[in-house]
N, C-alpha and C. Protein backbone atom coordinates (compact mmCIF):
# COMPACT_ATOMS: atom_id res chain seq x y z
N MET A 1 0.85 -1.20 0.00
CA MET A 1 0.00 0.00 0.00
C MET A 1 0.88 1.24 0.00
N ASN A 2 0.56 2.20 -0.84
CA ASN A 2 1.34 3.42 -0.94
C ASN A 2 0.62 4.53 -0.21
N LEU A 3 0.99 4.73 1.06
CA LEU A 3 0.30 5.73 1.86
C LEU A 3 0.49 7.13 1.33
N PHE A 4 1.70 7.41 0.79
CA PHE A 4 1.96 8.75 0.26
C PHE A 4 1.02 9.08 -0.88
N SER A 5 0.83 8.11 -1.80
CA SER A 5 -0.04 8.37 -2.95
C SER A 5 -1.47 8.59 -2.48
N GLN A 6 -1.90 7.85 -1.46
CA GLN A 6 -3.26 8.01 -0.97
C GLN A 6 -3.49 9.41 -0.40
N LEU A 7 -2.53 9.87 0.39
CA LEU A 7 -2.71 11.13 1.08
C LEU A 7 -2.51 12.33 0.17
N ALA A 8 -1.74 12.13 -0.91
CA ALA A 8 -1.38 13.25 -1.76
C ALA A 8 -2.39 13.51 -2.87
N VAL A 9 -3.15 12.50 -3.25
CA VAL A 9 -4.03 12.60 -4.41
C VAL A 9 -5.44 12.95 -3.97
N GLU A 10 -6.07 13.86 -4.69
CA GLU A 10 -7.47 14.20 -4.42
C GLU A 10 -8.36 13.01 -4.78
N PRO A 11 -9.52 12.88 -4.12
CA PRO A 11 -10.45 11.80 -4.46
C PRO A 11 -10.79 11.82 -5.95
N THR A 12 -10.91 10.63 -6.52
CA THR A 12 -11.21 10.50 -7.95
C THR A 12 -12.65 10.04 -8.13
N HIS A 13 -13.12 10.11 -9.36
CA HIS A 13 -14.48 9.68 -9.71
C HIS A 13 -14.37 8.94 -11.03
N GLU A 14 -14.43 7.60 -10.96
CA GLU A 14 -14.18 6.78 -12.14
C GLU A 14 -15.36 5.83 -12.35
N GLN A 15 -15.94 5.86 -13.57
CA GLN A 15 -17.01 4.93 -13.89
C GLN A 15 -16.41 3.61 -14.35
N ILE A 16 -16.71 2.53 -13.61
CA ILE A 16 -16.22 1.20 -13.97
C ILE A 16 -17.16 0.58 -15.00
N TYR A 17 -18.44 0.64 -14.73
CA TYR A 17 -19.52 0.26 -15.64
C TYR A 17 -20.60 1.33 -15.47
N PRO A 18 -21.57 1.38 -16.37
CA PRO A 18 -22.71 2.27 -16.12
C PRO A 18 -23.36 1.93 -14.78
N GLY A 19 -23.44 2.91 -13.91
CA GLY A 19 -24.01 2.69 -12.58
C GLY A 19 -23.03 2.21 -11.53
N ALA A 20 -21.79 1.96 -11.92
CA ALA A 20 -20.76 1.50 -10.97
C ALA A 20 -19.64 2.53 -10.95
N ILE A 21 -19.46 3.19 -9.81
CA ILE A 21 -18.54 4.31 -9.69
C ILE A 21 -17.51 4.02 -8.60
N LEU A 22 -16.24 4.23 -8.90
CA LEU A 22 -15.15 4.09 -7.94
C LEU A 22 -14.63 5.49 -7.59
N MET A 23 -14.62 5.81 -6.30
CA MET A 23 -14.14 7.10 -5.82
C MET A 23 -12.97 6.85 -4.87
N ARG A 24 -11.78 6.96 -5.41
CA ARG A 24 -10.59 6.64 -4.63
C ARG A 24 -10.30 7.74 -3.60
N GLY A 25 -10.04 7.30 -2.36
CA GLY A 25 -9.63 8.21 -1.32
C GLY A 25 -10.74 9.07 -0.74
N LEU A 26 -11.98 8.81 -1.09
CA LEU A 26 -13.06 9.70 -0.67
C LEU A 26 -13.26 9.68 0.85
N ALA A 27 -12.97 8.55 1.49
CA ALA A 27 -13.20 8.44 2.94
C ALA A 27 -11.98 8.81 3.77
N LEU A 28 -10.87 9.18 3.14
CA LEU A 28 -9.64 9.44 3.88
C LEU A 28 -9.77 10.57 4.89
N ALA A 29 -10.50 11.62 4.51
CA ALA A 29 -10.58 12.79 5.39
C ALA A 29 -11.24 12.48 6.72
N GLN A 30 -12.06 11.42 6.77
CA GLN A 30 -12.79 11.08 7.99
C GLN A 30 -12.48 9.66 8.46
N ASP A 31 -11.36 9.09 8.01
CA ASP A 31 -11.13 7.68 8.29
C ASP A 31 -11.04 7.36 9.78
N VAL A 32 -10.41 8.24 10.57
CA VAL A 32 -10.29 7.98 12.01
C VAL A 32 -11.67 8.00 12.66
N GLU A 33 -12.51 8.96 12.29
CA GLU A 33 -13.88 9.02 12.82
C GLU A 33 -14.68 7.78 12.42
N PHE A 34 -14.54 7.37 11.16
CA PHE A 34 -15.29 6.22 10.69
C PHE A 34 -14.87 4.95 11.43
N PHE A 35 -13.56 4.78 11.63
CA PHE A 35 -13.11 3.57 12.29
C PHE A 35 -13.51 3.57 13.76
N ALA A 36 -13.52 4.74 14.39
CA ALA A 36 -14.01 4.82 15.77
C ALA A 36 -15.48 4.41 15.83
N ALA A 37 -16.27 4.82 14.83
CA ALA A 37 -17.67 4.41 14.78
C ALA A 37 -17.80 2.90 14.60
N VAL A 38 -16.93 2.32 13.77
CA VAL A 38 -16.94 0.87 13.58
C VAL A 38 -16.62 0.16 14.89
N GLU A 39 -15.62 0.64 15.61
CA GLU A 39 -15.27 0.02 16.89
C GLU A 39 -16.43 0.10 17.88
N GLY A 40 -17.18 1.20 17.85
CA GLY A 40 -18.36 1.31 18.70
C GLY A 40 -19.42 0.29 18.34
N ILE A 41 -19.63 0.08 17.04
CA ILE A 41 -20.60 -0.92 16.59
C ILE A 41 -20.18 -2.31 17.05
N LEU A 42 -18.89 -2.62 16.88
CA LEU A 42 -18.40 -3.96 17.23
C LEU A 42 -18.43 -4.20 18.73
N ALA A 43 -18.32 -3.14 19.53
CA ALA A 43 -18.43 -3.31 20.97
C ALA A 43 -19.85 -3.73 21.35
N ALA A 44 -20.83 -3.23 20.61
CA ALA A 44 -22.23 -3.57 20.89
C ALA A 44 -22.67 -4.84 20.17
N ALA A 45 -22.08 -5.12 19.01
CA ALA A 45 -22.44 -6.29 18.20
C ALA A 45 -21.15 -6.97 17.75
N PRO A 46 -20.56 -7.83 18.62
CA PRO A 46 -19.24 -8.42 18.32
C PRO A 46 -19.21 -9.18 16.99
N LEU A 47 -18.05 -9.19 16.40
CA LEU A 47 -17.84 -9.93 15.16
C LEU A 47 -18.12 -11.41 15.37
N HIS A 48 -18.65 -12.04 14.32
CA HIS A 48 -18.85 -13.48 14.32
C HIS A 48 -18.62 -13.98 12.90
N HIS A 49 -18.40 -15.27 12.75
CA HIS A 49 -18.17 -15.81 11.42
C HIS A 49 -19.48 -15.83 10.63
N ALA A 50 -19.41 -15.32 9.42
CA ALA A 50 -20.57 -15.36 8.53
C ALA A 50 -20.90 -16.81 8.19
N VAL A 51 -22.16 -17.05 7.87
CA VAL A 51 -22.64 -18.37 7.49
C VAL A 51 -23.36 -18.24 6.16
N THR A 52 -23.06 -19.12 5.22
CA THR A 52 -23.72 -19.09 3.92
C THR A 52 -25.19 -19.46 4.07
N PRO A 53 -26.02 -19.11 3.07
CA PRO A 53 -27.43 -19.53 3.13
C PRO A 53 -27.59 -21.04 3.29
N GLY A 54 -26.56 -21.82 2.86
CA GLY A 54 -26.60 -23.27 3.03
C GLY A 54 -26.13 -23.75 4.38
N GLY A 55 -25.73 -22.80 5.26
CA GLY A 55 -25.33 -23.16 6.61
C GLY A 55 -23.86 -23.41 6.82
N LEU A 56 -23.02 -23.11 5.82
CA LEU A 56 -21.59 -23.34 5.95
C LEU A 56 -20.89 -22.10 6.49
N PRO A 57 -19.94 -22.28 7.42
CA PRO A 57 -19.22 -21.13 7.97
C PRO A 57 -18.27 -20.54 6.93
N MET A 58 -18.09 -19.23 6.98
CA MET A 58 -17.21 -18.52 6.05
C MET A 58 -16.02 -17.97 6.82
N GLY A 59 -14.94 -17.67 6.10
CA GLY A 59 -13.74 -17.15 6.73
C GLY A 59 -13.89 -15.72 7.20
N VAL A 60 -14.67 -14.93 6.48
CA VAL A 60 -14.84 -13.53 6.83
C VAL A 60 -15.67 -13.40 8.10
N MET A 61 -15.30 -12.45 8.95
CA MET A 61 -16.08 -12.18 10.16
C MET A 61 -16.93 -10.94 9.92
N VAL A 62 -18.11 -10.92 10.52
CA VAL A 62 -19.09 -9.91 10.18
C VAL A 62 -19.78 -9.34 11.42
N SER A 63 -20.37 -8.16 11.23
CA SER A 63 -21.27 -7.55 12.19
C SER A 63 -22.20 -6.65 11.41
N ASP A 64 -23.19 -6.09 12.11
CA ASP A 64 -24.19 -5.25 11.45
C ASP A 64 -24.68 -4.16 12.37
N CYS A 65 -25.17 -3.11 11.77
CA CYS A 65 -25.96 -2.12 12.48
C CYS A 65 -27.05 -1.64 11.54
N GLY A 66 -28.08 -1.01 12.11
CA GLY A 66 -29.16 -0.53 11.25
C GLY A 66 -30.49 -0.51 11.98
N THR A 67 -31.55 -0.53 11.20
CA THR A 67 -32.90 -0.46 11.76
C THR A 67 -33.41 -1.86 12.09
N GLN A 68 -34.47 -1.92 12.89
CA GLN A 68 -35.06 -3.21 13.22
C GLN A 68 -35.57 -3.92 11.97
N GLU A 69 -36.16 -3.16 11.05
CA GLU A 69 -36.67 -3.76 9.82
C GLU A 69 -35.53 -4.37 9.00
N GLY A 70 -34.40 -3.66 8.97
CA GLY A 70 -33.25 -4.19 8.25
C GLY A 70 -32.74 -5.47 8.87
N PHE A 71 -32.70 -5.56 10.19
CA PHE A 71 -32.21 -6.76 10.85
C PHE A 71 -33.11 -7.95 10.58
N ARG A 72 -34.38 -7.73 10.46
CA ARG A 72 -35.30 -8.85 10.24
C ARG A 72 -35.08 -9.51 8.88
N ARG A 73 -34.47 -8.78 7.95
CA ARG A 73 -34.32 -9.31 6.60
C ARG A 73 -32.88 -9.67 6.25
N ARG A 74 -32.00 -9.71 7.23
CA ARG A 74 -30.60 -10.00 6.91
C ARG A 74 -30.45 -11.39 6.29
N TRP A 75 -29.51 -11.48 5.32
CA TRP A 75 -29.37 -12.73 4.56
C TRP A 75 -28.89 -13.89 5.41
N ASP A 76 -28.17 -13.61 6.52
CA ASP A 76 -27.64 -14.70 7.34
C ASP A 76 -28.50 -14.90 8.59
N SER A 77 -29.80 -14.69 8.47
CA SER A 77 -30.68 -14.76 9.64
C SER A 77 -30.74 -16.16 10.24
N ALA A 78 -30.29 -17.19 9.52
CA ALA A 78 -30.27 -18.54 10.08
C ALA A 78 -29.20 -18.67 11.17
N ASN A 79 -28.21 -17.79 11.15
CA ASN A 79 -27.15 -17.79 12.16
C ASN A 79 -27.72 -17.24 13.46
N GLN A 80 -27.69 -18.04 14.52
CA GLN A 80 -28.29 -17.63 15.79
C GLN A 80 -27.64 -16.37 16.34
N VAL A 81 -26.32 -16.23 16.16
CA VAL A 81 -25.64 -15.02 16.64
C VAL A 81 -26.13 -13.81 15.87
N ALA A 82 -26.25 -13.96 14.55
CA ALA A 82 -26.64 -12.84 13.70
C ALA A 82 -28.09 -12.42 13.92
N ARG A 83 -28.90 -13.29 14.51
CA ARG A 83 -30.32 -12.96 14.68
C ARG A 83 -30.53 -11.95 15.80
N ARG A 84 -29.52 -11.73 16.62
CA ARG A 84 -29.64 -10.72 17.66
C ARG A 84 -29.67 -9.33 17.04
N MET A 85 -30.46 -8.47 17.59
CA MET A 85 -30.55 -7.10 17.10
C MET A 85 -29.24 -6.37 17.38
N GLY A 86 -28.75 -5.66 16.40
CA GLY A 86 -27.55 -4.87 16.57
C GLY A 86 -27.88 -3.42 16.86
N PRO A 87 -26.86 -2.60 16.99
CA PRO A 87 -27.09 -1.19 17.31
C PRO A 87 -27.60 -0.41 16.11
N PRO A 88 -28.15 0.78 16.36
CA PRO A 88 -28.54 1.65 15.24
C PRO A 88 -27.30 2.08 14.45
N MET A 89 -27.53 2.46 13.22
CA MET A 89 -26.44 2.94 12.38
C MET A 89 -26.02 4.35 12.82
N PRO A 90 -24.74 4.59 13.07
CA PRO A 90 -24.31 5.95 13.43
C PRO A 90 -24.62 6.94 12.32
N ARG A 91 -25.11 8.09 12.70
CA ARG A 91 -25.48 9.12 11.73
C ARG A 91 -24.27 9.53 10.88
N LEU A 92 -23.09 9.52 11.50
CA LEU A 92 -21.87 9.85 10.77
C LEU A 92 -21.70 8.96 9.54
N LEU A 93 -21.97 7.67 9.71
CA LEU A 93 -21.79 6.72 8.61
C LEU A 93 -22.91 6.81 7.59
N SER A 94 -24.15 6.89 8.07
CA SER A 94 -25.27 6.93 7.12
C SER A 94 -25.23 8.20 6.28
N ASP A 95 -24.89 9.33 6.88
CA ASP A 95 -24.80 10.58 6.12
C ASP A 95 -23.74 10.49 5.04
N PHE A 96 -22.59 9.89 5.38
CA PHE A 96 -21.53 9.76 4.38
C PHE A 96 -21.96 8.83 3.25
N ALA A 97 -22.61 7.71 3.59
CA ALA A 97 -23.07 6.78 2.56
C ALA A 97 -24.06 7.46 1.62
N ILE A 98 -24.95 8.28 2.16
CA ILE A 98 -25.89 9.00 1.31
C ILE A 98 -25.17 9.97 0.38
N ARG A 99 -24.17 10.68 0.90
CA ARG A 99 -23.39 11.60 0.05
C ARG A 99 -22.68 10.84 -1.06
N CYS A 100 -22.14 9.67 -0.74
CA CYS A 100 -21.48 8.86 -1.77
C CYS A 100 -22.47 8.45 -2.86
N ALA A 101 -23.68 8.05 -2.45
CA ALA A 101 -24.69 7.65 -3.43
C ALA A 101 -25.09 8.83 -4.31
N VAL A 102 -25.27 10.00 -3.70
CA VAL A 102 -25.63 11.19 -4.47
C VAL A 102 -24.55 11.51 -5.49
N ARG A 103 -23.29 11.44 -5.09
CA ARG A 103 -22.17 11.71 -6.00
C ARG A 103 -22.15 10.72 -7.16
N SER A 104 -22.74 9.55 -6.96
CA SER A 104 -22.72 8.50 -7.97
C SER A 104 -23.99 8.45 -8.80
N GLY A 105 -24.90 9.40 -8.57
CA GLY A 105 -26.11 9.46 -9.38
C GLY A 105 -27.32 8.78 -8.78
N PHE A 106 -27.29 8.54 -7.46
CA PHE A 106 -28.43 7.88 -6.80
C PHE A 106 -28.90 8.78 -5.65
N PRO A 107 -29.67 9.81 -5.96
CA PRO A 107 -30.03 10.83 -4.96
C PRO A 107 -31.06 10.39 -3.94
N ARG A 108 -31.71 9.25 -4.13
CA ARG A 108 -32.78 8.84 -3.23
C ARG A 108 -32.37 7.74 -2.25
N PHE A 109 -31.09 7.46 -2.15
CA PHE A 109 -30.62 6.38 -1.30
C PHE A 109 -30.83 6.70 0.17
N GLN A 110 -31.48 5.78 0.87
CA GLN A 110 -31.71 5.91 2.31
C GLN A 110 -31.37 4.57 2.96
N PRO A 111 -30.11 4.35 3.32
CA PRO A 111 -29.71 3.03 3.84
C PRO A 111 -30.33 2.74 5.20
N ASP A 112 -30.74 1.48 5.39
CA ASP A 112 -31.24 1.06 6.70
C ASP A 112 -30.38 -0.05 7.29
N SER A 113 -29.28 -0.39 6.62
CA SER A 113 -28.42 -1.45 7.09
C SER A 113 -26.98 -1.16 6.69
N CYS A 114 -26.06 -1.38 7.62
CA CYS A 114 -24.63 -1.35 7.32
C CYS A 114 -24.05 -2.70 7.73
N HIS A 115 -23.55 -3.42 6.76
CA HIS A 115 -22.95 -4.75 6.99
C HIS A 115 -21.44 -4.59 7.00
N ILE A 116 -20.79 -5.07 8.06
CA ILE A 116 -19.35 -4.93 8.23
C ILE A 116 -18.69 -6.28 8.02
N ASN A 117 -17.73 -6.35 7.11
CA ASN A 117 -16.89 -7.53 6.92
C ASN A 117 -15.49 -7.21 7.41
N ARG A 118 -14.91 -8.13 8.17
CA ARG A 118 -13.50 -7.99 8.55
C ARG A 118 -12.70 -9.12 7.92
N TYR A 119 -11.70 -8.73 7.13
CA TYR A 119 -10.83 -9.68 6.46
C TYR A 119 -9.47 -9.71 7.14
N GLN A 120 -8.86 -10.88 7.16
CA GLN A 120 -7.47 -11.00 7.56
C GLN A 120 -6.74 -11.79 6.49
N ALA A 121 -5.43 -11.94 6.62
CA ALA A 121 -4.63 -12.60 5.58
C ALA A 121 -5.25 -13.94 5.20
N GLY A 122 -5.45 -14.14 3.90
CA GLY A 122 -6.00 -15.39 3.39
C GLY A 122 -7.50 -15.41 3.25
N THR A 123 -8.21 -14.45 3.88
CA THR A 123 -9.67 -14.43 3.79
C THR A 123 -10.10 -13.92 2.43
N ARG A 124 -11.10 -14.57 1.87
CA ARG A 124 -11.63 -14.18 0.57
C ARG A 124 -13.15 -14.15 0.64
N LEU A 125 -13.75 -13.63 -0.43
CA LEU A 125 -15.21 -13.63 -0.56
C LEU A 125 -15.52 -13.99 -2.01
N GLY A 126 -16.16 -15.14 -2.21
CA GLY A 126 -16.44 -15.60 -3.55
C GLY A 126 -17.43 -14.72 -4.30
N LEU A 127 -17.46 -14.87 -5.61
CA LEU A 127 -18.38 -14.09 -6.42
C LEU A 127 -19.82 -14.35 -5.99
N HIS A 128 -20.58 -13.26 -5.83
CA HIS A 128 -21.96 -13.38 -5.39
C HIS A 128 -22.71 -12.12 -5.81
N GLN A 129 -24.02 -12.17 -5.71
CA GLN A 129 -24.89 -11.02 -5.92
C GLN A 129 -25.53 -10.63 -4.60
N ASP A 130 -25.78 -9.33 -4.42
CA ASP A 130 -26.57 -8.87 -3.28
C ASP A 130 -28.02 -8.82 -3.75
N ARG A 131 -28.76 -9.87 -3.44
CA ARG A 131 -30.09 -10.02 -4.03
C ARG A 131 -31.20 -10.15 -3.01
N HIS A 132 -30.92 -9.89 -1.72
CA HIS A 132 -31.92 -10.11 -0.69
C HIS A 132 -32.57 -8.82 -0.20
N GLU A 133 -32.28 -7.72 -0.86
CA GLU A 133 -32.91 -6.46 -0.50
C GLU A 133 -34.26 -6.32 -1.22
N CYS A 134 -35.15 -5.56 -0.62
CA CYS A 134 -36.50 -5.41 -1.20
C CYS A 134 -36.51 -4.53 -2.44
N ASP A 135 -35.73 -3.46 -2.43
CA ASP A 135 -35.79 -2.45 -3.48
C ASP A 135 -34.49 -2.44 -4.27
N MET A 136 -34.48 -3.10 -5.42
CA MET A 136 -33.27 -3.20 -6.22
C MET A 136 -32.94 -1.91 -6.97
N SER A 137 -33.80 -0.89 -6.84
CA SER A 137 -33.46 0.39 -7.44
C SER A 137 -32.46 1.16 -6.56
N GLN A 138 -32.28 0.68 -5.33
CA GLN A 138 -31.33 1.31 -4.42
C GLN A 138 -29.94 0.72 -4.63
N PRO A 139 -28.89 1.54 -4.59
CA PRO A 139 -27.53 1.04 -4.85
C PRO A 139 -26.92 0.39 -3.61
N ILE A 140 -25.75 -0.16 -3.81
CA ILE A 140 -24.88 -0.61 -2.72
C ILE A 140 -23.75 0.40 -2.62
N VAL A 141 -23.44 0.85 -1.40
CA VAL A 141 -22.32 1.75 -1.16
C VAL A 141 -21.31 0.99 -0.30
N SER A 142 -20.07 0.90 -0.76
CA SER A 142 -19.05 0.10 -0.10
C SER A 142 -17.82 0.96 0.22
N ILE A 143 -17.41 0.96 1.49
CA ILE A 143 -16.25 1.73 1.96
C ILE A 143 -15.17 0.77 2.42
N SER A 144 -13.94 1.00 2.00
CA SER A 144 -12.81 0.17 2.40
C SER A 144 -11.96 0.90 3.44
N LEU A 145 -11.66 0.20 4.54
CA LEU A 145 -10.76 0.72 5.56
C LEU A 145 -9.70 -0.33 5.86
N GLY A 146 -8.44 0.10 5.94
CA GLY A 146 -7.37 -0.82 6.31
C GLY A 146 -6.63 -1.38 5.12
N LEU A 147 -6.24 -2.65 5.20
CA LEU A 147 -5.42 -3.27 4.18
C LEU A 147 -6.09 -3.23 2.81
N GLU A 148 -5.27 -3.14 1.79
CA GLU A 148 -5.78 -3.15 0.42
C GLU A 148 -6.26 -4.55 0.04
N CYS A 149 -7.13 -4.60 -0.96
CA CYS A 149 -7.62 -5.89 -1.45
C CYS A 149 -7.78 -5.82 -2.95
N ALA A 150 -7.86 -7.00 -3.55
CA ALA A 150 -8.17 -7.13 -4.98
C ALA A 150 -9.67 -7.43 -5.08
N PHE A 151 -10.42 -6.45 -5.57
CA PHE A 151 -11.88 -6.55 -5.67
C PHE A 151 -12.25 -6.93 -7.09
N MET A 152 -13.19 -7.86 -7.23
CA MET A 152 -13.66 -8.30 -8.54
C MET A 152 -15.09 -7.82 -8.75
N LEU A 153 -15.34 -7.21 -9.89
CA LEU A 153 -16.69 -6.80 -10.27
C LEU A 153 -16.96 -7.37 -11.65
N GLY A 154 -17.94 -8.26 -11.72
CA GLY A 154 -18.21 -8.98 -12.96
C GLY A 154 -19.50 -8.56 -13.62
N GLY A 155 -20.14 -9.53 -14.27
CA GLY A 155 -21.36 -9.26 -15.01
C GLY A 155 -22.58 -9.77 -14.27
N LEU A 156 -23.65 -9.98 -15.01
CA LEU A 156 -24.91 -10.41 -14.42
C LEU A 156 -25.01 -11.92 -14.31
N GLN A 157 -24.03 -12.62 -14.89
CA GLN A 157 -23.92 -14.07 -14.75
C GLN A 157 -22.60 -14.39 -14.05
N ARG A 158 -22.60 -15.44 -13.24
CA ARG A 158 -21.39 -15.79 -12.50
C ARG A 158 -20.20 -16.08 -13.42
N THR A 159 -20.49 -16.59 -14.61
CA THR A 159 -19.43 -16.97 -15.53
C THR A 159 -18.90 -15.80 -16.36
N ASP A 160 -19.51 -14.62 -16.25
CA ASP A 160 -19.04 -13.46 -17.01
C ASP A 160 -17.64 -13.05 -16.54
N ALA A 161 -16.91 -12.42 -17.44
CA ALA A 161 -15.58 -11.93 -17.10
C ALA A 161 -15.68 -10.87 -16.01
N THR A 162 -14.65 -10.78 -15.18
CA THR A 162 -14.62 -9.80 -14.10
C THR A 162 -13.53 -8.77 -14.34
N LYS A 163 -13.76 -7.57 -13.84
CA LYS A 163 -12.72 -6.57 -13.76
C LYS A 163 -12.15 -6.60 -12.36
N ARG A 164 -10.82 -6.64 -12.25
CA ARG A 164 -10.18 -6.63 -10.95
C ARG A 164 -9.59 -5.26 -10.69
N MET A 165 -9.81 -4.77 -9.49
CA MET A 165 -9.29 -3.45 -9.13
C MET A 165 -8.76 -3.50 -7.71
N LEU A 166 -7.72 -2.74 -7.47
CA LEU A 166 -7.14 -2.64 -6.14
C LEU A 166 -7.93 -1.61 -5.35
N LEU A 167 -8.50 -2.03 -4.22
CA LEU A 167 -9.18 -1.11 -3.32
C LEU A 167 -8.28 -0.86 -2.13
N GLU A 168 -7.98 0.41 -1.89
CA GLU A 168 -7.11 0.80 -0.79
C GLU A 168 -7.90 1.50 0.30
N HIS A 169 -7.24 1.74 1.40
CA HIS A 169 -7.83 2.42 2.54
C HIS A 169 -8.44 3.75 2.11
N GLY A 170 -9.72 3.94 2.41
CA GLY A 170 -10.40 5.18 2.07
C GLY A 170 -11.14 5.17 0.75
N ASP A 171 -10.99 4.11 -0.03
CA ASP A 171 -11.70 4.04 -1.31
C ASP A 171 -13.17 3.71 -1.10
N VAL A 172 -14.00 4.24 -2.00
CA VAL A 172 -15.45 3.99 -1.96
C VAL A 172 -15.88 3.53 -3.35
N ILE A 173 -16.67 2.47 -3.39
CA ILE A 173 -17.25 2.03 -4.66
C ILE A 173 -18.76 1.89 -4.48
N VAL A 174 -19.49 2.38 -5.48
CA VAL A 174 -20.95 2.36 -5.46
C VAL A 174 -21.42 1.65 -6.73
N TRP A 175 -22.37 0.72 -6.58
CA TRP A 175 -22.95 0.14 -7.79
C TRP A 175 -24.46 0.01 -7.63
N GLY A 176 -25.14 0.42 -8.69
CA GLY A 176 -26.60 0.40 -8.70
C GLY A 176 -27.11 0.52 -10.11
N GLY A 177 -28.41 0.76 -10.28
CA GLY A 177 -28.97 0.89 -11.62
C GLY A 177 -28.69 -0.36 -12.44
N PRO A 178 -28.13 -0.21 -13.66
CA PRO A 178 -27.87 -1.38 -14.50
C PRO A 178 -26.78 -2.29 -13.95
N SER A 179 -26.03 -1.82 -12.97
CA SER A 179 -24.96 -2.63 -12.37
C SER A 179 -25.36 -3.23 -11.02
N ARG A 180 -26.58 -3.00 -10.60
CA ARG A 180 -26.97 -3.40 -9.24
C ARG A 180 -26.79 -4.89 -8.99
N MET A 181 -27.02 -5.73 -9.99
CA MET A 181 -26.97 -7.17 -9.79
C MET A 181 -25.67 -7.80 -10.31
N ARG A 182 -24.66 -7.01 -10.48
CA ARG A 182 -23.38 -7.58 -10.92
C ARG A 182 -22.77 -8.47 -9.83
N PHE A 183 -22.21 -9.58 -10.26
CA PHE A 183 -21.47 -10.43 -9.34
C PHE A 183 -20.20 -9.71 -8.90
N HIS A 184 -19.82 -9.92 -7.65
CA HIS A 184 -18.63 -9.27 -7.11
C HIS A 184 -18.03 -10.14 -6.01
N GLY A 185 -16.77 -9.93 -5.73
CA GLY A 185 -16.09 -10.71 -4.70
C GLY A 185 -14.73 -10.13 -4.40
N VAL A 186 -14.02 -10.77 -3.49
CA VAL A 186 -12.70 -10.32 -3.03
C VAL A 186 -11.74 -11.50 -3.08
N LEU A 187 -10.59 -11.31 -3.72
CA LEU A 187 -9.56 -12.34 -3.74
C LEU A 187 -8.90 -12.44 -2.37
N PRO A 188 -8.21 -13.55 -2.08
CA PRO A 188 -7.60 -13.73 -0.75
C PRO A 188 -6.73 -12.52 -0.37
N LEU A 189 -6.95 -12.04 0.83
CA LEU A 189 -6.24 -10.86 1.32
C LEU A 189 -4.78 -11.22 1.58
N LYS A 190 -3.89 -10.32 1.17
CA LYS A 190 -2.47 -10.52 1.42
C LYS A 190 -2.12 -10.02 2.82
N PRO A 191 -1.12 -10.65 3.46
CA PRO A 191 -0.72 -10.20 4.80
C PRO A 191 -0.20 -8.76 4.76
N GLY A 192 -0.39 -8.05 5.86
CA GLY A 192 0.10 -6.67 5.94
C GLY A 192 -0.29 -6.07 7.27
N HIS A 193 0.05 -4.80 7.42
CA HIS A 193 -0.30 -4.08 8.65
C HIS A 193 -0.64 -2.65 8.27
N HIS A 194 -1.80 -2.20 8.72
CA HIS A 194 -2.22 -0.83 8.46
C HIS A 194 -2.16 -0.02 9.75
N PRO A 195 -1.72 1.24 9.67
CA PRO A 195 -1.58 2.04 10.90
C PRO A 195 -2.87 2.19 11.69
N LEU A 196 -4.02 2.16 11.02
CA LEU A 196 -5.29 2.36 11.71
C LEU A 196 -5.95 1.06 12.11
N THR A 197 -5.91 0.06 11.26
CA THR A 197 -6.68 -1.17 11.47
C THR A 197 -5.83 -2.39 11.78
N GLY A 198 -4.51 -2.24 11.83
CA GLY A 198 -3.65 -3.38 12.11
C GLY A 198 -3.63 -4.37 10.96
N PRO A 199 -3.75 -5.69 11.25
CA PRO A 199 -3.62 -6.70 10.20
C PRO A 199 -4.92 -6.99 9.46
N TYR A 200 -5.85 -6.06 9.47
CA TYR A 200 -7.18 -6.33 8.93
C TYR A 200 -7.60 -5.33 7.85
N ARG A 201 -8.55 -5.78 7.06
CA ARG A 201 -9.32 -4.90 6.18
C ARG A 201 -10.76 -4.93 6.65
N TYR A 202 -11.36 -3.77 6.79
CA TYR A 202 -12.78 -3.65 7.12
C TYR A 202 -13.51 -3.09 5.92
N ASN A 203 -14.60 -3.74 5.58
CA ASN A 203 -15.45 -3.30 4.47
C ASN A 203 -16.84 -2.99 5.02
N LEU A 204 -17.29 -1.78 4.78
CA LEU A 204 -18.62 -1.36 5.22
C LEU A 204 -19.52 -1.26 4.00
N THR A 205 -20.58 -2.05 3.96
CA THR A 205 -21.52 -1.97 2.84
C THR A 205 -22.87 -1.48 3.35
N PHE A 206 -23.34 -0.43 2.72
CA PHE A 206 -24.61 0.21 3.11
C PHE A 206 -25.67 -0.16 2.09
N ARG A 207 -26.84 -0.55 2.61
CA ARG A 207 -27.91 -1.05 1.74
C ARG A 207 -29.27 -0.56 2.24
N LYS A 208 -30.23 -0.59 1.34
CA LYS A 208 -31.63 -0.43 1.70
C LYS A 208 -32.23 -1.83 1.67
N VAL A 209 -32.38 -2.42 2.85
CA VAL A 209 -32.77 -3.83 2.94
C VAL A 209 -34.27 -4.00 3.01
N ALA A 210 -34.92 -3.24 3.91
CA ALA A 210 -36.35 -3.48 4.18
C ALA A 210 -37.22 -2.66 3.23
């Protein structure tokens, strides 16, 4: 990770596909505040291993915050730990997610759920779609904190070719509209250490679930 390049360059606005926008460094100005908010969420809703819809444990550890309606519809509701109600979403985070959506052409985004993934060396996330939300006209807003990762954004079929991009600390990617159902995933995380998050990458994804 090149910390100098991150701190020296102004946030960018790059269209990956129609409806899919990458904004590098957009969260850097508030990264300490955002991570403090994440730590507060995790104190109230400790990390646990995600479980696939088929009941298999995953390597990535997760937590959530949001509204009661959002919690009732979470995709991993079969997990007894995940069925517990988590804390409300901090206004600091929801306001930023809304601003990111507006910058990406989605002015009506009102997230009711923030899903937190924590990755460590070797952890990956296979190609998948976010398909359990009620309103598919609402985008997904994703913020990266900590170690860099190789993010894959593909097509509407699992077998479609993917674009791979390096997501670094402070990067934000939004996908919605014609890109809302694109398959996406994360390649195995490489070992490292970040000054703010230590040996981890945290990914915050904001959604309109209920």
